[in-house]
Amino acid sequence: MSDTPLQVLINQAPHTLAQGATLADAVAQAGIQPPFAAAVNLQFVPRSQYAQHALANHDKIELISPITGG
């Protein structure tokens, strides 16, 4: 396994994460506060799977907060 950092996009912004990082690590780095939904490469990931969802180089992560109001 390489120690080369992962280059990912979180809400279109470039971020560097350690090799072996999970979606939970990306959420922590982004600093987003709940509630929000997460998708990796346009695939929804349930909150219960964040710590198990391994990231790959160049993954595109979207963290989406609900919009309230009418």
Protein backbone atom coordinates (compact mmCIF):
# COMPACT_ATOMS: atom_id res chain seq x y z
CA MET A 1 0.00 0.00 0.00
CA SER A 2 1.29 3.41 -0.92
CA ASP A 3 1.60 6.29 1.53
CA THR A 4 0.73 8.80 -1.19
CA PRO A 5 -2.04 11.10 0.06
CA LEU A 6 -5.45 10.92 -1.57
CA GLN A 7 -6.61 13.89 -3.63
CA VAL A 8 -10.39 14.24 -3.41
CA LEU A 9 -13.00 16.88 -4.09
CA ILE A 10 -15.39 17.81 -1.29
CA ASN A 11 -18.20 19.98 -2.65
CA GLN A 12 -15.98 20.82 -5.65
CA ALA A 13 -13.07 21.98 -3.42
CA PRO A 14 -9.79 20.03 -3.49
CA HIS A 15 -8.76 18.31 -0.26
CA THR A 16 -5.88 16.02 0.65
CA LEU A 17 -6.57 13.04 2.90
CA ALA A 18 -4.33 10.28 4.24
CA GLN A 19 -4.14 6.98 2.40
CA GLY A 20 -6.87 4.70 3.76
CA ALA A 21 -9.15 7.62 4.65
CA THR A 22 -12.87 6.99 4.95
CA LEU A 23 -15.89 9.13 4.27
CA ALA A 24 -16.00 9.84 8.03
CA ASP A 25 -12.50 11.37 7.75
CA ALA A 26 -13.60 13.56 4.83
CA VAL A 27 -16.68 14.75 6.74
CA ALA A 28 -14.48 15.63 9.74
CA GLN A 29 -12.06 17.59 7.54
CA ALA A 30 -14.91 19.46 5.85
CA GLY A 31 -16.25 20.53 9.24
CA ILE A 32 -19.88 20.28 8.17
CA GLN A 33 -22.48 20.12 10.92
CA PRO A 34 -25.49 17.78 10.83
CA PRO A 35 -27.97 17.44 9.35
CA PHE A 36 -26.54 16.59 5.96
CA ALA A 37 -26.47 13.79 3.41
CA ALA A 38 -23.33 12.45 1.76
CA ALA A 39 -22.64 11.01 -1.67
CA VAL A 40 -19.42 9.68 -3.16
CA ASN A 41 -19.22 9.77 -6.95
CA LEU A 42 -22.97 10.49 -7.05
CA GLN A 43 -23.81 7.43 -4.92
CA PHE A 44 -25.64 8.12 -1.64
CA VAL A 45 -23.84 6.68 1.40
CA PRO A 46 -25.91 6.02 4.56
CA ARG A 47 -24.57 7.75 7.69
CA SER A 48 -24.06 4.33 9.32
CA GLN A 49 -21.53 3.48 6.58
CA TYR A 50 -19.33 6.61 6.72
CA ALA A 51 -16.60 4.98 8.85
CA GLN A 52 -16.52 1.88 6.61
CA HIS A 53 -16.65 3.67 3.25
CA ALA A 54 -13.02 3.77 2.06
CA LEU A 55 -12.15 6.59 -0.30
CA ALA A 56 -10.06 6.36 -3.47
CA ASN A 57 -7.89 8.94 -5.20
CA HIS A 58 -9.96 11.50 -7.13
CA ASP A 59 -13.28 10.60 -5.47
CA LYS A 60 -15.91 13.33 -5.68
CA ILE A 61 -17.67 13.81 -2.35
CA GLU A 62 -20.84 15.86 -2.01
CA LEU A 63 -22.06 16.91 1.45
CA ILE A 64 -25.56 18.31 1.09
CA SER A 65 -27.41 20.17 3.82
CA PRO A 66 -31.20 20.31 3.63
CA ILE A 67 -32.72 23.64 2.70
CA THR A 68 -35.67 24.71 4.80
CA GLY A 69 -38.29 27.26 4.05
CA GLY A 70 -40.91 27.64 1.43
